[in-house]
Protein backbone atom coordinates (compact mmCIF):
# COMPACT_ATOMS: atom_id res chain seq x y z
CA MET A 1 -187.68 -23.24 109.46
CA ARG A 2 -190.13 -20.56 110.63
CA HIS A 3 -192.56 -19.30 107.99
CA VAL A 4 -192.16 -15.57 107.39
CA GLN A 5 -194.81 -13.71 109.43
CA VAL A 6 -194.82 -9.95 109.71
CA GLY A 7 -196.55 -9.95 113.10
CA TRP A 8 -193.90 -12.24 114.54
CA ALA A 9 -191.09 -10.11 113.07
CA ARG A 10 -192.54 -6.88 114.45
CA ALA A 11 -193.10 -8.38 117.91
CA LEU A 12 -189.59 -9.85 118.01
CA ALA A 13 -188.00 -6.55 117.02
CA GLU A 14 -190.03 -4.71 119.65
CA SER A 15 -189.10 -7.20 122.37
CA LEU A 16 -185.39 -6.78 121.60
CA LEU A 17 -185.16 -3.04 120.86
CA ALA A 18 -188.00 -1.03 122.38
CA GLU A 19 -186.79 -0.87 125.98
CA PRO A 20 -182.98 -0.86 125.72
CA LEU A 21 -182.72 1.09 122.44
CA PRO A 22 -185.86 3.24 121.96
CA ARG A 23 -184.37 5.37 119.17
CA ARG A 24 -183.25 2.27 117.26
CA TRP A 25 -186.75 0.89 117.74
CA ALA A 26 -188.23 4.13 116.35
CA HIS A 27 -185.99 3.78 113.30
CA SER A 28 -187.06 0.16 112.85
CA GLN A 29 -190.72 1.18 113.02
CA GLY A 30 -190.09 3.74 110.29
CA VAL A 31 -188.26 1.23 108.10
CA GLY A 32 -191.07 -1.28 108.58
CA ALA A 33 -193.66 1.32 107.63
CA GLN A 34 -191.65 2.29 104.55
CA ALA A 35 -191.48 -1.36 103.51
CA GLU A 36 -195.27 -1.59 103.69
CA THR A 37 -195.46 1.10 100.99
CA LEU A 38 -193.53 -1.20 98.62
CA ARG A 39 -196.09 -3.99 98.69
CA PRO A 40 -197.53 -3.01 95.27
CA ILE A 41 -194.19 -3.84 93.62
CA LEU A 42 -193.25 -6.80 95.84
CA GLY A 43 -195.94 -9.34 95.03
CA THR A 44 -195.44 -12.54 97.01
CA ASP A 45 -192.21 -11.17 98.49
CA GLY A 46 -194.13 -8.56 100.48
CA ASP A 47 -194.12 -10.33 103.84
CA LEU A 48 -190.47 -11.27 103.42
CA LEU A 49 -189.29 -7.72 102.75
CA VAL A 50 -191.48 -6.16 105.44
CA SER A 51 -190.27 -8.72 107.98
CA ALA A 52 -186.65 -8.00 107.07
CA ALA A 53 -187.33 -4.28 107.47
CA TRP A 54 -188.60 -4.79 111.02
CA LEU A 55 -185.69 -7.08 111.92
CA HIS A 56 -182.74 -5.52 110.09
CA ASP A 57 -181.27 -3.83 113.18
CA ILE A 58 -181.98 -6.37 115.92
CA GLY A 59 -178.25 -7.14 116.07
CA TYR A 60 -177.87 -3.92 118.08
CA ALA A 61 -179.89 -5.42 120.95
CA PRO A 62 -177.51 -5.89 123.92
CA PRO A 63 -178.22 -9.62 124.43
CA LEU A 64 -177.40 -10.33 120.79
CA VAL A 65 -174.12 -8.43 120.52
CA ALA A 66 -171.27 -10.88 119.89
CA THR A 67 -169.08 -9.46 117.12
CA ASP A 68 -170.21 -5.80 117.45
CA PHE A 69 -171.30 -6.03 113.81
CA HIS A 70 -175.07 -5.84 113.94
CA PRO A 71 -175.98 -7.39 110.54
CA LEU A 72 -174.05 -10.54 111.39
CA ASP A 73 -175.16 -10.74 115.02
CA GLY A 74 -178.79 -10.23 114.05
CA ALA A 75 -178.71 -12.78 111.24
CA ARG A 76 -177.03 -15.40 113.41
CA TYR A 77 -179.67 -14.94 116.09
CA LEU A 78 -182.44 -15.35 113.55
CA ARG A 79 -180.82 -18.46 112.12
CA ASP A 80 -179.61 -20.17 115.27
CA VAL A 81 -182.22 -19.19 117.87
CA GLU A 82 -185.36 -18.30 115.93
CA HIS A 83 -184.75 -20.79 113.07
CA ALA A 84 -186.04 -18.13 110.72
CA ASP A 85 -186.52 -18.33 106.97
CA GLU A 86 -183.18 -18.56 105.15
CA MET A 87 -183.86 -15.63 102.83
CA LEU A 88 -184.91 -13.47 105.76
CA CYS A 89 -181.58 -14.23 107.45
CA ARG A 90 -179.72 -13.40 104.24
CA LEU A 91 -181.48 -10.06 103.91
CA VAL A 92 -180.66 -9.09 107.49
CA ALA A 93 -177.05 -10.26 107.18
CA HIS A 94 -176.36 -8.30 104.01
CA HIS A 95 -178.59 -5.27 104.47
CA THR A 96 -177.38 -1.87 103.28
CA CYS A 97 -174.09 -3.09 101.76
CA ALA A 98 -173.02 -4.85 104.95
CA HIS A 99 -170.28 -6.65 103.02
CA ILE A 100 -168.32 -3.39 102.83
CA GLU A 101 -168.42 -2.82 106.58
CA ALA A 102 -167.56 -6.50 107.07
CA GLU A 103 -164.35 -5.86 105.10
CA GLU A 104 -163.54 -2.86 107.32
CA ARG A 105 -164.06 -5.02 110.41
CA GLY A 106 -162.19 -8.06 109.12
CA LEU A 107 -165.39 -10.13 109.24
CA SER A 108 -165.89 -10.96 105.57
CA ALA A 109 -165.42 -14.69 106.11
CA GLU A 110 -167.98 -14.69 108.90
CA LEU A 111 -170.53 -12.79 106.81
CA ASP A 112 -170.03 -15.36 104.06
CA GLU A 113 -171.97 -17.79 106.27
CA PHE A 114 -174.95 -16.15 104.58
CA ASP A 115 -175.36 -15.98 100.82
CA ALA A 116 -176.14 -12.55 99.42
CA PRO A 117 -179.86 -12.06 98.70
CA PRO A 118 -181.19 -11.25 95.22
CA SER A 119 -180.24 -7.74 94.20
CA ALA A 120 -183.82 -6.55 93.78
CA LEU A 121 -184.78 -7.45 97.34
CA ALA A 122 -181.52 -6.01 98.65
CA ASP A 123 -182.26 -2.78 96.78
CA ALA A 124 -185.75 -2.59 98.27
CA LEU A 125 -184.40 -2.98 101.81
CA ILE A 126 -181.72 -0.35 101.11
CA TYR A 127 -184.50 1.98 99.94
CA CYS A 128 -186.40 1.49 103.20
CA ASP A 129 -183.32 1.96 105.41
CA MET A 130 -181.77 4.84 103.48
CA THR A 131 -184.98 6.89 103.32
CA THR A 132 -185.70 6.57 107.06
CA GLY A 133 -183.90 8.66 109.65
CA PRO A 134 -182.61 7.54 113.05
CA SER A 135 -185.88 8.45 114.79
CA GLY A 136 -188.13 6.96 112.12
CA GLU A 137 -188.61 10.14 110.09
CA ARG A 138 -188.63 10.14 106.29
CA MET A 139 -185.38 11.40 104.78
CA ASP A 140 -183.90 11.94 101.36
CA VAL A 141 -181.07 9.46 100.75
CA THR A 142 -178.48 12.25 100.46
CA ASN A 143 -179.49 13.69 103.82
CA ARG A 144 -179.56 10.23 105.36
CA LEU A 145 -176.00 9.52 104.22
CA ALA A 146 -174.84 12.87 105.57
CA GLU A 147 -176.60 12.21 108.88
CA ILE A 148 -174.78 8.89 109.33
CA ASP A 149 -171.44 10.55 108.62
CA ARG A 150 -172.14 13.29 111.19
CA ARG A 151 -173.41 10.86 113.82
CA TYR A 152 -170.40 8.55 113.71
CA GLY A 153 -167.72 11.03 112.69
CA ALA A 154 -165.66 11.11 109.52
CA ASP A 155 -162.97 8.70 110.74
CA HIS A 156 -165.29 6.00 112.10
CA LEU A 157 -165.34 2.72 110.20
CA VAL A 158 -169.11 3.00 109.76
CA SER A 159 -168.65 6.35 108.03
CA ARG A 160 -165.82 4.97 105.91
CA SER A 161 -168.01 2.03 104.92
CA ILE A 162 -170.96 4.23 104.06
CA ARG A 163 -168.79 6.48 101.89
CA ARG A 164 -167.51 3.44 99.99
CA ALA A 165 -171.06 2.14 99.60
CA THR A 166 -172.64 5.48 98.62
CA PRO A 167 -172.84 4.90 94.82
CA VAL A 168 -174.57 1.54 95.33
CA LEU A 169 -176.90 2.87 98.03
CA VAL A 170 -177.96 5.87 95.96
CA GLU A 171 -178.51 3.72 92.87
CA ALA A 172 -180.60 1.23 94.85
CA VAL A 173 -182.85 4.02 96.10
CA GLN A 174 -183.17 5.46 92.59
CA VAL A 175 -183.99 2.09 91.04
CA THR A 176 -186.62 1.29 93.66
CA THR A 177 -188.12 4.77 93.32
CA LYS A 178 -188.52 4.18 89.59
CA LEU A 179 -190.20 0.84 90.21
CA ILE A 180 -192.64 2.49 92.61
CA ALA A 181 -193.49 4.98 89.86
CA GLY A 182 -194.04 2.17 87.38
CA GLU A 183 -190.89 2.93 85.41
CA PRO A 184 -188.26 0.34 84.41
CA GLY A 185 -185.66 -0.10 87.10
CA ASN A 186 -182.70 -1.72 85.41
CA ARG A 187 -179.85 -1.81 87.86
CA ILE A 188 -176.37 -2.55 86.54
CA ASP A 189 -175.06 -4.95 89.14
CA PRO A 190 -171.72 -6.74 88.67
CA LEU A 191 -172.89 -9.47 91.04
CA ARG A 192 -176.01 -10.20 88.99
CA PRO A 193 -175.77 -11.55 85.42
CA GLN A 194 -177.24 -9.32 82.74
CA GLY A 195 -180.90 -10.13 82.15
CA THR A 196 -181.58 -11.40 85.68
CA PRO A 197 -185.03 -10.09 86.69
CA GLY A 198 -185.52 -7.33 89.23
CA LEU A 199 -188.40 -7.21 91.70
CA GLY A 200 -190.96 -8.00 89.04
CA GLY A 201 -189.28 -11.36 88.48
CA LEU A 202 -189.36 -12.29 92.15
CA THR A 203 -193.11 -12.33 92.60
């Protein structure tokens, strides 16, 4: 099992994305930079979250495409080829409500190869992804959601998935924003028992 190292994650993402998919690489750089700003609330999970931010979209890299579902393809590569940290693989597999798109694609069973990560870490990665535009620019979550819908088209399964996921995505951004500001960020999550700690309990 590879120890989580941000330098390794950044270099791996660059090697897979920079040449074939420069815009996706620009987005990944923006998401990685956004994750760095969360270090004050991440504690010992800082390297893990930042590494996941760099690697979350590597499943788009042409050599890795197997199912055409980038969270799954990326996580499988990290697990099977890079022998990466289990939690890192889980974060990549489930990033940005991937379970909803997996349902749309008929790949729920395959995604279940990876356990869902803790909600607080998932929220933090959603925050980084949903406040970063396709070229790495900072974006409000509402504008980011609208941009995805325009880019794919209203009838595309990605757009359908994002619309279904919108309440969770917006809440995750709001909760993380409150934590950054030092305010309580109590997310009501049906998958997490009441009283389970958020980011502060993961350090």
